[in-house]
Amino acid sequence: MEQTFRPVLTIRIFADEKCFGPGIAVLLQKVQELHSLRAAAMSIGMAYSKAWTILKNAQQSLGFKLLDSTTGGKHGGGATLTPEGEKLLDAYDSYCTRLRAYAQELFDETFDEILP
């Protein structure tokens, strides 16, 4: 059985501590899709309290809000990404895509004669 080898990269953005990475990126993508932090957290198997914690920590480290939310009530609550949150998520996705493509190219170049 022939195996295919590939690099696997996980991109995290740090200030003094980690402030953005794949976990919060997925959470924000789900908020865009579901318009609710609670629903987004549930859809990825994350506790709502943990979602709020990582969101608050990221916002504090980054210095801007990622999410606008309204509490429930007569018309229900909801959440949307702020313009800054959308820009950051788009930039992060683009950066990861480009970096992974380059990593694969470099991997192929470097390991071509060593790994099948």
PDB file of N, CA and C in Angstrom:
ATOM      1  N   MET A   1       0.838  -1.177   0.000  1.00  0.00           N
ATOM      2  CA  MET A   1       0.000   0.000   0.000  1.00  0.00           C
ATOM      3  C   MET A   1       0.887   1.246   0.000  1.00  0.00           C
ATOM      4  N   GLU A   2       0.704   2.093  -0.995  1.00  0.00           N
ATOM      5  CA  GLU A   2       1.494   3.309  -1.113  1.00  0.00           C
ATOM      6  C   GLU A   2       0.868   4.438  -0.297  1.00  0.00           C
ATOM      7  N   GLN A   3       1.710   5.142   0.432  1.00  0.00           N
ATOM      8  CA  GLN A   3       1.240   6.267   1.232  1.00  0.00           C
ATOM      9  C   GLN A   3       1.557   7.577   0.531  1.00  0.00           C
ATOM     10  N   THR A   4       0.720   8.562   0.748  1.00  0.00           N
ATOM     11  CA  THR A   4       0.980   9.896   0.244  1.00  0.00           C
ATOM     12  C   THR A   4       1.334  10.777   1.439  1.00  0.00           C
ATOM     13  N   PHE A   5       2.479  11.420   1.360  1.00  0.00           N
ATOM     14  CA  PHE A   5       2.930  12.289   2.444  1.00  0.00           C
ATOM     15  C   PHE A   5       2.618  13.734   2.107  1.00  0.00           C
ATOM     16  N   ARG A   6       2.334  14.512   3.148  1.00  0.00           N
ATOM     17  CA  ARG A   6       2.011  15.918   2.971  1.00  0.00           C
ATOM     18  C   ARG A   6       2.314  16.673   4.267  1.00  0.00           C
ATOM     19  N   PRO A   7       2.593  17.946   4.161  1.00  0.00           N
ATOM     20  CA  PRO A   7       2.779  18.735   5.381  1.00  0.00           C
ATOM     21  C   PRO A   7       1.405  19.147   5.928  1.00  0.00           C
ATOM     22  N   VAL A   8       1.321  19.284   7.229  1.00  0.00           N
ATOM     23  CA  VAL A   8       0.087  19.769   7.860  1.00  0.00           C
ATOM     24  C   VAL A   8       0.476  20.955   8.739  1.00  0.00           C
ATOM     25  N   LEU A   9      -0.079  22.103   8.400  1.00  0.00           N
ATOM     26  CA  LEU A   9       0.233  23.324   9.132  1.00  0.00           C
ATOM     27  C   LEU A   9      -0.990  23.800   9.902  1.00  0.00           C
ATOM     28  N   THR A  10      -0.748  24.301  11.095  1.00  0.00           N
ATOM     29  CA  THR A  10      -1.783  24.950  11.876  1.00  0.00           C
ATOM     30  C   THR A  10      -1.295  26.364  12.149  1.00  0.00           C
ATOM     31  N   ILE A  11      -2.071  27.330  11.716  1.00  0.00           N
ATOM     32  CA  ILE A  11      -1.648  28.725  11.817  1.00  0.00           C
ATOM     33  C   ILE A  11      -2.340  29.380  13.009  1.00  0.00           C
ATOM     34  N   ARG A  12      -1.533  29.945  13.892  1.00  0.00           N
ATOM     35  CA  ARG A  12      -2.043  30.676  15.048  1.00  0.00           C
ATOM     36  C   ARG A  12      -1.388  32.051  15.068  1.00  0.00           C
ATOM     37  N   ILE A  13      -2.158  33.063  15.431  1.00  0.00           N
ATOM     38  CA  ILE A  13      -1.644  34.421  15.532  1.00  0.00           C
ATOM     39  C   ILE A  13      -1.440  34.729  17.011  1.00  0.00           C
ATOM     40  N   PHE A  14      -0.254  35.212  17.339  1.00  0.00           N
ATOM     41  CA  PHE A  14       0.100  35.519  18.724  1.00  0.00           C
ATOM     42  C   PHE A  14       0.401  37.001  18.895  1.00  0.00           C
ATOM     43  N   ALA A  15       0.056  37.517  20.053  1.00  0.00           N
ATOM     44  CA  ALA A  15       0.564  38.797  20.548  1.00  0.00           C
ATOM     45  C   ALA A  15       1.439  38.348  21.713  1.00  0.00           C
ATOM     46  N   ASP A  16       1.091  38.682  22.940  1.00  0.00           N
ATOM     47  CA  ASP A  16       1.790  38.098  24.082  1.00  0.00           C
ATOM     48  C   ASP A  16       1.381  36.639  24.230  1.00  0.00           C
ATOM     49  N   GLU A  17       0.128  36.361  23.949  1.00  0.00           N
ATOM     50  CA  GLU A  17      -0.407  35.004  23.978  1.00  0.00           C
ATOM     51  C   GLU A  17      -1.177  34.764  22.684  1.00  0.00           C
ATOM     52  N   LYS A  18      -1.606  33.527  22.470  1.00  0.00           N
ATOM     53  CA  LYS A  18      -2.380  33.226  21.277  1.00  0.00           C
ATOM     54  C   LYS A  18      -3.659  34.051  21.289  1.00  0.00           C
ATOM     55  N   CYS A  19      -3.965  34.684  20.161  1.00  0.00           N
ATOM     56  CA  CYS A  19      -5.196  35.478  20.113  1.00  0.00           C
ATOM     57  C   CYS A  19      -6.118  35.065  18.971  1.00  0.00           C
ATOM     58  N   PHE A  20      -5.622  34.296  17.998  1.00  0.00           N
ATOM     59  CA  PHE A  20      -6.483  33.869  16.901  1.00  0.00           C
ATOM     60  C   PHE A  20      -5.877  32.622  16.286  1.00  0.00           C
ATOM     61  N   GLY A  21      -6.759  31.681  15.943  1.00  0.00           N
ATOM     62  CA  GLY A  21      -6.297  30.449  15.331  1.00  0.00           C
ATOM     63  C   GLY A  21      -7.444  29.686  14.707  1.00  0.00           C
ATOM     64  N   PRO A  22      -7.224  28.423  14.398  1.00  0.00           N
ATOM     65  CA  PRO A  22      -8.239  27.653  13.683  1.00  0.00           C
ATOM     66  C   PRO A  22      -9.539  27.471  14.463  1.00  0.00           C
ATOM     67  N   GLY A  23      -9.480  27.356  15.770  1.00  0.00           N
ATOM     68  CA  GLY A  23     -10.696  27.160  16.565  1.00  0.00           C
ATOM     69  C   GLY A  23     -11.637  28.338  16.489  1.00  0.00           C
ATOM     70  N   ILE A  24     -11.115  29.530  16.721  1.00  0.00           N
ATOM     71  CA  ILE A  24     -11.976  30.707  16.669  1.00  0.00           C
ATOM     72  C   ILE A  24     -12.382  31.018  15.236  1.00  0.00           C
ATOM     73  N   ALA A  25     -11.521  30.684  14.264  1.00  0.00           N
ATOM     74  CA  ALA A  25     -11.887  30.898  12.855  1.00  0.00           C
ATOM     75  C   ALA A  25     -13.102  30.043  12.490  1.00  0.00           C
ATOM     76  N   VAL A  26     -13.100  28.779  12.890  1.00  0.00           N
ATOM     77  CA  VAL A  26     -14.246  27.903  12.619  1.00  0.00           C
ATOM     78  C   VAL A  26     -15.483  28.426  13.338  1.00  0.00           C
ATOM     79  N   LEU A  27     -15.318  28.855  14.574  1.00  0.00           N
ATOM     80  CA  LEU A  27     -16.441  29.396  15.334  1.00  0.00           C
ATOM     81  C   LEU A  27     -17.045  30.609  14.607  1.00  0.00           C
ATOM     82  N   LEU A  28     -16.207  31.513  14.132  1.00  0.00           N
ATOM     83  CA  LEU A  28     -16.703  32.697  13.440  1.00  0.00           C
ATOM     84  C   LEU A  28     -17.359  32.332  12.099  1.00  0.00           C
ATOM     85  N   GLN A  29     -16.804  31.354  11.413  1.00  0.00           N
ATOM     86  CA  GLN A  29     -17.433  30.889  10.157  1.00  0.00           C
ATOM     87  C   GLN A  29     -18.832  30.350  10.431  1.00  0.00           C
ATOM     88  N   LYS A  30     -18.973  29.626  11.530  1.00  0.00           N
ATOM     89  CA  LYS A  30     -20.283  29.078  11.890  1.00  0.00           C
ATOM     90  C   LYS A  30     -21.245  30.187  12.317  1.00  0.00           C
ATOM     91  N   VAL A  31     -20.743  31.230  12.973  1.00  0.00           N
ATOM     92  CA  VAL A  31     -21.596  32.364  13.325  1.00  0.00           C
ATOM     93  C   VAL A  31     -22.106  33.026  12.050  1.00  0.00           C
ATOM     94  N   GLN A  32     -21.237  33.181  11.050  1.00  0.00           N
ATOM     95  CA  GLN A  32     -21.675  33.753   9.769  1.00  0.00           C
ATOM     96  C   GLN A  32     -22.802  32.918   9.159  1.00  0.00           C
ATOM     97  N   GLU A  33     -22.663  31.617   9.268  1.00  0.00           N
ATOM     98  CA  GLU A  33     -23.632  30.695   8.682  1.00  0.00           C
ATOM     99  C   GLU A  33     -24.936  30.627   9.473  1.00  0.00           C
ATOM    100  N   LEU A  34     -24.830  30.578  10.803  1.00  0.00           N
ATOM    101  CA  LEU A  34     -25.987  30.316  11.652  1.00  0.00           C
ATOM    102  C   LEU A  34     -26.543  31.558  12.355  1.00  0.00           C
ATOM    103  N   HIS A  35     -25.823  32.659  12.314  1.00  0.00           N
ATOM    104  CA  HIS A  35     -26.254  33.933  12.919  1.00  0.00           C
ATOM    105  C   HIS A  35     -26.526  33.824  14.418  1.00  0.00           C
ATOM    106  N   SER A  36     -25.761  32.956  15.079  1.00  0.00           N
ATOM    107  CA  SER A  36     -25.935  32.765  16.518  1.00  0.00           C
ATOM    108  C   SER A  36     -24.659  32.159  17.086  1.00  0.00           C
ATOM    109  N   LEU A  37     -24.134  32.764  18.146  1.00  0.00           N
ATOM    110  CA  LEU A  37     -22.953  32.208  18.800  1.00  0.00           C
ATOM    111  C   LEU A  37     -23.298  30.881  19.459  1.00  0.00           C
ATOM    112  N   ARG A  38     -24.446  30.807  20.088  1.00  0.00           N
ATOM    113  CA  ARG A  38     -24.857  29.564  20.756  1.00  0.00           C
ATOM    114  C   ARG A  38     -24.986  28.423  19.735  1.00  0.00           C
ATOM    115  N   ALA A  39     -25.659  28.681  18.623  1.00  0.00           N
ATOM    116  CA  ALA A  39     -25.827  27.653  17.585  1.00  0.00           C
ATOM    117  C   ALA A  39     -24.484  27.280  16.963  1.00  0.00           C
ATOM    118  N   ALA A  40     -23.626  28.281  16.763  1.00  0.00           N
ATOM    119  CA  ALA A  40     -22.302  28.021  16.201  1.00  0.00           C
ATOM    120  C   ALA A  40     -21.498  27.108  17.127  1.00  0.00           C
ATOM    121  N   ALA A  41     -21.505  27.431  18.414  1.00  0.00           N
ATOM    122  CA  ALA A  41     -20.780  26.614  19.387  1.00  0.00           C
ATOM    123  C   ALA A  41     -21.320  25.185  19.413  1.00  0.00           C
ATOM    124  N   MET A  42     -22.629  25.059  19.456  1.00  0.00           N
ATOM    125  CA  MET A  42     -23.234  23.724  19.484  1.00  0.00           C
ATOM    126  C   MET A  42     -22.877  22.920  18.237  1.00  0.00           C
ATOM    127  N   SER A  43     -22.845  23.571  17.086  1.00  0.00           N
ATOM    128  CA  SER A  43     -22.591  22.864  15.828  1.00  0.00           C
ATOM    129  C   SER A  43     -21.188  22.276  15.752  1.00  0.00           C
ATOM    130  N   ILE A  44     -20.254  22.826  16.532  1.00  0.00           N
ATOM    131  CA  ILE A  44     -18.892  22.283  16.528  1.00  0.00           C
ATOM    132  C   ILE A  44     -18.553  21.573  17.841  1.00  0.00           C
ATOM    133  N   GLY A  45     -19.581  21.334  18.651  1.00  0.00           N
ATOM    134  CA  GLY A  45     -19.378  20.595  19.891  1.00  0.00           C
ATOM    135  C   GLY A  45     -18.643  21.371  20.964  1.00  0.00           C
ATOM    136  N   MET A  46     -18.800  22.674  20.961  1.00  0.00           N
ATOM    137  CA  MET A  46     -18.134  23.530  21.942  1.00  0.00           C
ATOM    138  C   MET A  46     -19.173  24.080  22.911  1.00  0.00           C
ATOM    139  N   ALA A  47     -18.812  24.134  24.160  1.00  0.00           N
ATOM    140  CA  ALA A  47     -19.705  24.731  25.152  1.00  0.00           C
ATOM    141  C   ALA A  47     -19.845  26.221  24.863  1.00  0.00           C
ATOM    142  N   TYR A  48     -21.058  26.735  25.049  1.00  0.00           N
ATOM    143  CA  TYR A  48     -21.338  28.154  24.820  1.00  0.00           C
ATOM    144  C   TYR A  48     -20.424  29.023  25.685  1.00  0.00           C
ATOM    145  N   SER A  49     -20.205  28.612  26.927  1.00  0.00           N
ATOM    146  CA  SER A  49     -19.349  29.393  27.826  1.00  0.00           C
ATOM    147  C   SER A  49     -17.915  29.443  27.299  1.00  0.00           C
ATOM    148  N   LYS A  50     -17.431  28.348  26.729  1.00  0.00           N
ATOM    149  CA  LYS A  50     -16.078  28.330  26.164  1.00  0.00           C
ATOM    150  C   LYS A  50     -16.024  29.236  24.937  1.00  0.00           C
ATOM    151  N   ALA A  51     -17.070  29.206  24.111  1.00  0.00           N
ATOM    152  CA  ALA A  51     -17.115  30.066  22.930  1.00  0.00           C
ATOM    153  C   ALA A  51     -17.004  31.531  23.346  1.00  0.00           C
ATOM    154  N   TRP A  52     -17.770  31.918  24.375  1.00  0.00           N
ATOM    155  CA  TRP A  52     -17.703  33.299  24.851  1.00  0.00           C
ATOM    156  C   TRP A  52     -16.324  33.629  25.391  1.00  0.00           C
ATOM    157  N   THR A  53     -15.723  32.695  26.101  1.00  0.00           N
ATOM    158  CA  THR A  53     -14.400  32.931  26.690  1.00  0.00           C
ATOM    159  C   THR A  53     -13.355  33.148  25.613  1.00  0.00           C
ATOM    160  N   ILE A  54     -13.302  32.268  24.607  1.00  0.00           N
ATOM    161  CA  ILE A  54     -12.278  32.442  23.579  1.00  0.00           C
ATOM    162  C   ILE A  54     -12.552  33.685  22.742  1.00  0.00           C
ATOM    163  N   LEU A  55     -13.810  34.007  22.533  1.00  0.00           N
ATOM    164  CA  LEU A  55     -14.161  35.214  21.799  1.00  0.00           C
ATOM    165  C   LEU A  55     -13.713  36.463  22.563  1.00  0.00           C
ATOM    166  N   LYS A  56     -14.023  36.523  23.850  1.00  0.00           N
ATOM    167  CA  LYS A  56     -13.633  37.678  24.674  1.00  0.00           C
ATOM    168  C   LYS A  56     -12.115  37.820  24.734  1.00  0.00           C
ATOM    169  N   ASN A  57     -11.404  36.699  24.920  1.00  0.00           N
ATOM    170  CA  ASN A  57      -9.942  36.737  24.980  1.00  0.00           C
ATOM    171  C   ASN A  57      -9.345  37.226  23.664  1.00  0.00           C
ATOM    172  N   ALA A  58      -9.891  36.747  22.551  1.00  0.00           N
ATOM    173  CA  ALA A  58      -9.396  37.178  21.239  1.00  0.00           C
ATOM    174  C   ALA A  58      -9.632  38.662  21.040  1.00  0.00           C
ATOM    175  N   GLN A  59     -10.832  39.124  21.357  1.00  0.00           N
ATOM    176  CA  GLN A  59     -11.160  40.538  21.194  1.00  0.00           C
ATOM    177  C   GLN A  59     -10.260  41.417  22.042  1.00  0.00           C
ATOM    178  N   GLN A  60      -9.993  40.978  23.269  1.00  0.00           N
ATOM    179  CA  GLN A  60      -9.136  41.748  24.163  1.00  0.00           C
ATOM    180  C   GLN A  60      -7.710  41.822  23.609  1.00  0.00           C
ATOM    181  N   SER A  61      -7.190  40.694  23.124  1.00  0.00           N
ATOM    182  CA  SER A  61      -5.828  40.678  22.581  1.00  0.00           C
ATOM    183  C   SER A  61      -5.718  41.464  21.285  1.00  0.00           C
ATOM    184  N   LEU A  62      -6.731  41.347  20.434  1.00  0.00           N
ATOM    185  CA  LEU A  62      -6.694  42.022  19.134  1.00  0.00           C
ATOM    186  C   LEU A  62      -6.980  43.513  19.239  1.00  0.00           C
ATOM    187  N   GLY A  63      -7.767  43.901  20.233  1.00  0.00           N
ATOM    188  CA  GLY A  63      -8.086  45.304  20.418  1.00  0.00           C
ATOM    189  C   GLY A  63      -9.303  45.778  19.644  1.00  0.00           C
ATOM    190  N   PHE A  64     -10.093  44.830  19.142  1.00  0.00           N
ATOM    191  CA  PHE A  64     -11.341  45.200  18.465  1.00  0.00           C
ATOM    192  C   PHE A  64     -12.343  44.059  18.579  1.00  0.00           C
ATOM    193  N   LYS A  65     -13.617  44.431  18.412  1.00  0.00           N
ATOM    194  CA  LYS A  65     -14.690  43.440  18.498  1.00  0.00           C
ATOM    195  C   LYS A  65     -14.733  42.585  17.238  1.00  0.00           C
ATOM    196  N   LEU A  66     -15.024  41.319  17.431  1.00  0.00           N
ATOM    197  CA  LEU A  66     -15.189  40.402  16.307  1.00  0.00           C
ATOM    198  C   LEU A  66     -16.657  40.126  16.017  1.00  0.00           C
ATOM    199  N   LEU A  67     -17.493  40.322  17.033  1.00  0.00           N
ATOM    200  CA  LEU A  67     -18.888  39.910  16.944  1.00  0.00           C
ATOM    201  C   LEU A  67     -19.797  40.983  17.509  1.00  0.00           C
ATOM    202  N   ASP A  68     -20.903  41.223  16.829  1.00  0.00           N
ATOM    203  CA  ASP A  68     -21.998  42.032  17.360  1.00  0.00           C
ATOM    204  C   ASP A  68     -23.119  41.065  17.676  1.00  0.00           C
ATOM    205  N   SER A  69     -23.656  41.152  18.879  1.00  0.00           N
ATOM    206  CA  SER A  69     -24.733  40.229  19.235  1.00  0.00           C
ATOM    207  C   SER A  69     -25.862  40.980  19.915  1.00  0.00           C
ATOM    208  N   THR A  70     -27.051  40.408  19.767  1.00  0.00           N
ATOM    209  CA  THR A  70     -28.227  40.935  20.455  1.00  0.00           C
ATOM    210  C   THR A  70     -28.811  39.795  21.262  1.00  0.00           C
ATOM    211  N   THR A  71     -29.307  40.110  22.436  1.00  0.00           N
ATOM    212  CA  THR A  71     -29.889  39.085  23.282  1.00  0.00           C
ATOM    213  C   THR A  71     -31.283  38.741  22.786  1.00  0.00           C
ATOM    214  N   GLY A  72     -31.765  37.597  23.197  1.00  0.00           N
ATOM    215  CA  GLY A  72     -33.095  37.142  22.790  1.00  0.00           C
ATOM    216  C   GLY A  72     -34.182  38.062  23.296  1.00  0.00           C
ATOM    217  N   GLY A  73     -35.354  37.760  22.945  1.00  0.00           N
ATOM    218  CA  GLY A  73     -36.499  38.581  23.320  1.00  0.00           C
ATOM    219  C   GLY A  73     -37.629  38.296  22.358  1.00  0.00           C
ATOM    220  N   LYS A  74     -38.461  39.281  22.160  1.00  0.00           N
ATOM    221  CA  LYS A  74     -39.623  39.112  21.296  1.00  0.00           C
ATOM    222  C   LYS A  74     -39.239  38.634  19.893  1.00  0.00           C
ATOM    223  N   HIS A  75     -38.172  39.211  19.351  1.00  0.00           N
ATOM    224  CA  HIS A  75     -37.758  38.856  17.997  1.00  0.00           C
ATOM    225  C   HIS A  75     -36.540  37.935  17.990  1.00  0.00           C
ATOM    226  N   GLY A  76     -36.160  37.427  19.145  1.00  0.00           N
ATOM    227  CA  GLY A  76     -35.008  36.529  19.223  1.00  0.00           C
ATOM    228  C   GLY A  76     -33.700  37.289  19.142  1.00  0.00           C
ATOM    229  N   GLY A  77     -32.637  36.632  19.521  1.00  0.00           N
ATOM    230  CA  GLY A  77     -31.320  37.247  19.481  1.00  0.00           C
ATOM    231  C   GLY A  77     -30.600  36.848  18.217  1.00  0.00           C
ATOM    232  N   GLY A  78     -29.356  37.191  18.166  1.00  0.00           N
ATOM    233  CA  GLY A  78     -28.564  36.823  17.007  1.00  0.00           C
ATOM    234  C   GLY A  78     -27.171  37.392  17.109  1.00  0.00           C
ATOM    235  N   ALA A  79     -26.342  36.998  16.184  1.00  0.00           N
ATOM    236  CA  ALA A  79     -24.963  37.470  16.168  1.00  0.00           C
ATOM    237  C   ALA A  79     -24.487  37.601  14.728  1.00  0.00           C
ATOM    238  N   THR A  80     -23.693  38.622  14.503  1.00  0.00           N
ATOM    239  CA  THR A  80     -23.056  38.828  13.206  1.00  0.00           C
ATOM    240  C   THR A  80     -21.619  39.250  13.443  1.00  0.00           C
ATOM    241  N   LEU A  81     -20.777  39.002  12.481  1.00  0.00           N
ATOM    242  CA  LEU A  81     -19.407  39.451  12.578  1.00  0.00           C
ATOM    243  C   LEU A  81     -19.361  40.952  12.339  1.00  0.00           C
ATOM    244  N   THR A  82     -18.489  41.626  13.063  1.00  0.00           N
ATOM    245  CA  THR A  82     -18.249  43.043  12.818  1.00  0.00           C
ATOM    246  C   THR A  82     -17.479  43.153  11.493  1.00  0.00           C
ATOM    247  N   PRO A  83     -17.439  44.337  10.901  1.00  0.00           N
ATOM    248  CA  PRO A  83     -16.619  44.498   9.688  1.00  0.00           C
ATOM    249  C   PRO A  83     -15.156  44.091   9.927  1.00  0.00           C
ATOM    250  N   GLU A  84     -14.625  44.426  11.118  1.00  0.00           N
ATOM    251  CA  GLU A  84     -13.244  44.039  11.454  1.00  0.00           C
ATOM    252  C   GLU A  84     -13.123  42.524  11.584  1.00  0.00           C
ATOM    253  N   GLY A  85     -14.142  41.892  12.162  1.00  0.00           N
ATOM    254  CA  GLY A  85     -14.151  40.434  12.285  1.00  0.00           C
ATOM    255  C   GLY A  85     -14.178  39.755  10.934  1.00  0.00           C
ATOM    256  N   GLU A  86     -14.985  40.297  10.019  1.00  0.00           N
ATOM    257  CA  GLU A  86     -15.048  39.741   8.658  1.00  0.00           C
ATOM    258  C   GLU A  86     -13.712  39.891   7.946  1.00  0.00           C
ATOM    259  N   LYS A  87     -13.094  41.076   8.068  1.00  0.00           N
ATOM    260  CA  LYS A  87     -11.795  41.305   7.423  1.00  0.00           C
ATOM    261  C   LYS A  87     -10.736  40.359   7.975  1.00  0.00           C
ATOM    262  N   LEU A  88     -10.708  40.209   9.294  1.00  0.00           N
ATOM    263  CA  LEU A  88      -9.718  39.327   9.910  1.00  0.00           C
ATOM    264  C   LEU A  88      -9.933  37.891   9.462  1.00  0.00           C
ATOM    265  N   LEU A  89     -11.170  37.414   9.472  1.00  0.00           N
ATOM    266  CA  LEU A  89     -11.454  36.041   9.073  1.00  0.00           C
ATOM    267  C   LEU A  89     -11.090  35.819   7.612  1.00  0.00           C
ATOM    268  N   ASP A  90     -11.426  36.748   6.745  1.00  0.00           N
ATOM    269  CA  ASP A  90     -11.075  36.629   5.325  1.00  0.00           C
ATOM    270  C   ASP A  90      -9.558  36.614   5.130  1.00  0.00           C
ATOM    271  N   ALA A  91      -8.868  37.508   5.830  1.00  0.00           N
ATOM    272  CA  ALA A  91      -7.407  37.574   5.725  1.00  0.00           C
ATOM    273  C   ALA A  91      -6.767  36.292   6.247  1.00  0.00           C
ATOM    274  N   TYR A  92      -7.270  35.794   7.369  1.00  0.00           N
ATOM    275  CA  TYR A  92      -6.747  34.561   7.954  1.00  0.00           C
ATOM    276  C   TYR A  92      -6.949  33.382   6.995  1.00  0.00           C
ATOM    277  N   ASP A  93      -8.146  33.262   6.435  1.00  0.00           N
ATOM    278  CA  ASP A  93      -8.422  32.173   5.488  1.00  0.00           C
ATOM    279  C   ASP A  93      -7.524  32.265   4.264  1.00  0.00           C
ATOM    280  N   SER A  94      -7.365  33.462   3.730  1.00  0.00           N
ATOM    281  CA  SER A  94      -6.518  33.670   2.561  1.00  0.00           C
ATOM    282  C   SER A  94      -5.061  33.343   2.876  1.00  0.00           C
ATOM    283  N   TYR A  95      -4.583  33.817   3.999  1.00  0.00           N
ATOM    284  CA  TYR A  95      -3.206  33.558   4.418  1.00  0.00           C
ATOM    285  C   TYR A  95      -2.957  32.056   4.576  1.00  0.00           C
ATOM    286  N   CYS A  96      -3.876  31.379   5.249  1.00  0.00           N
ATOM    287  CA  CYS A  96      -3.723  29.933   5.458  1.00  0.00           C
ATOM    288  C   CYS A  96      -3.715  29.173   4.142  1.00  0.00           C
ATOM    289  N   THR A  97      -4.613  29.544   3.233  1.00  0.00           N
ATOM    290  CA  THR A  97      -4.684  28.881   1.931  1.00  0.00           C
ATOM    291  C   THR A  97      -3.380  29.063   1.161  1.00  0.00           C
ATOM    292  N   ARG A  98      -2.883  30.290   1.124  1.00  0.00           N
ATOM    293  CA  ARG A  98      -1.645  30.567   0.394  1.00  0.00           C
ATOM    294  C   ARG A  98      -0.440  29.899   1.050  1.00  0.00           C
ATOM    295  N   LEU A  99      -0.381  29.926   2.363  1.00  0.00           N
ATOM    296  CA  LEU A  99       0.740  29.327   3.070  1.00  0.00           C
ATOM    297  C   LEU A  99       0.750  27.809   2.902  1.00  0.00           C
ATOM    298  N   ARG A 100      -0.417  27.194   2.950  1.00  0.00           N
ATOM    299  CA  ARG A 100      -0.493  25.740   2.764  1.00  0.00           C
ATOM    300  C   ARG A 100      -0.087  25.337   1.346  1.00  0.00           C
ATOM    301  N   ALA A 101      -0.479  26.130   0.367  1.00  0.00           N
ATOM    302  CA  ALA A 101      -0.085  25.846  -1.018  1.00  0.00           C
ATOM    303  C   ALA A 101       1.431  25.940  -1.162  1.00  0.00           C
ATOM    304  N   TYR A 102       2.010  26.986  -0.583  1.00  0.00           N
ATOM    305  CA  TYR A 102       3.456  27.131  -0.640  1.00  0.00           C
ATOM    306  C   TYR A 102       4.147  26.004   0.133  1.00  0.00           C
ATOM    307  N   ALA A 103       3.611  25.646   1.285  1.00  0.00           N
ATOM    308  CA  ALA A 103       4.192  24.566   2.088  1.00  0.00           C
ATOM    309  C   ALA A 103       4.187  23.254   1.304  1.00  0.00           C
ATOM    310  N   GLN A 104       3.102  22.978   0.581  1.00  0.00           N
ATOM    311  CA  GLN A 104       3.039  21.756  -0.220  1.00  0.00           C
ATOM    312  C   GLN A 104       4.076  21.787  -1.340  1.00  0.00           C
ATOM    313  N   GLU A 105       4.198  22.930  -1.988  1.00  0.00           N
ATOM    314  CA  GLU A 105       5.187  23.085  -3.059  1.00  0.00           C
ATOM    315  C   GLU A 105       6.601  22.868  -2.525  1.00  0.00           C
ATOM    316  N   LEU A 106       6.926  23.499  -1.419  1.00  0.00           N
ATOM    317  CA  LEU A 106       8.247  23.359  -0.809  1.00  0.00           C
ATOM    318  C   LEU A 106       8.481  21.932  -0.322  1.00  0.00           C
ATOM    319  N   PHE A 107       7.457  21.325   0.250  1.00  0.00           N
ATOM    320  CA  PHE A 107       7.543  19.939   0.712  1.00  0.00           C
ATOM    321  C   PHE A 107       7.867  19.014  -0.467  1.00  0.00           C
ATOM    322  N   ASP A 108       7.120  19.167  -1.558  1.00  0.00           N
ATOM    323  CA  ASP A 108       7.345  18.329  -2.742  1.00  0.00           C
ATOM    324  C   ASP A 108       8.770  18.493  -3.263  1.00  0.00           C
ATOM    325  N   GLU A 109       9.228  19.739  -3.318  1.00  0.00           N
ATOM    326  CA  GLU A 109      10.593  20.034  -3.769  1.00  0.00           C
ATOM    327  C   GLU A 109      11.635  19.390  -2.861  1.00  0.00           C
ATOM    328  N   THR A 110      11.431  19.512  -1.573  1.00  0.00           N
ATOM    329  CA  THR A 110      12.412  19.081  -0.591  1.00  0.00           C
ATOM    330  C   THR A 110      12.450  17.555  -0.428  1.00  0.00           C
ATOM    331  N   PHE A 111      11.301  16.920  -0.459  1.00  0.00           N
ATOM    332  CA  PHE A 111      11.228  15.500  -0.142  1.00  0.00           C
ATOM    333  C   PHE A 111      10.977  14.612  -1.360  1.00  0.00           C
ATOM    334  N   ASP A 112      10.976  15.184  -2.550  1.00  0.00           N
ATOM    335  CA  ASP A 112      10.643  14.461  -3.773  1.00  0.00           C
ATOM    336  C   ASP A 112      11.438  13.164  -3.934  1.00  0.00           C
ATOM    337  N   GLU A 113      12.722  13.204  -3.674  1.00  0.00           N
ATOM    338  CA  GLU A 113      13.573  12.022  -3.891  1.00  0.00           C
ATOM    339  C   GLU A 113      13.680  11.131  -2.648  1.00  0.00           C
ATOM    340  N   ILE A 114      13.118  11.568  -1.532  1.00  0.00           N
ATOM    341  CA  ILE A 114      13.245  10.812  -0.282  1.00  0.00           C
ATOM    342  C   ILE A 114      11.987  10.020   0.025  1.00  0.00           C
ATOM    343  N   LEU A 115      10.843  10.689  -0.112  1.00  0.00           N
ATOM    344  CA  LEU A 115       9.557  10.050   0.198  1.00  0.00           C
ATOM    345  C   LEU A 115       8.829   9.717  -1.104  1.00  0.00           C
ATOM    346  N   PRO A 116       8.196   8.565  -1.138  1.00  0.00           N
ATOM    347  CA  PRO A 116       7.497   8.163  -2.381  1.00  0.00           C
ATOM    348  C   PRO A 116       6.314   9.053  -2.706  1.00  0.00           C
TER     349      PRO A 116
END
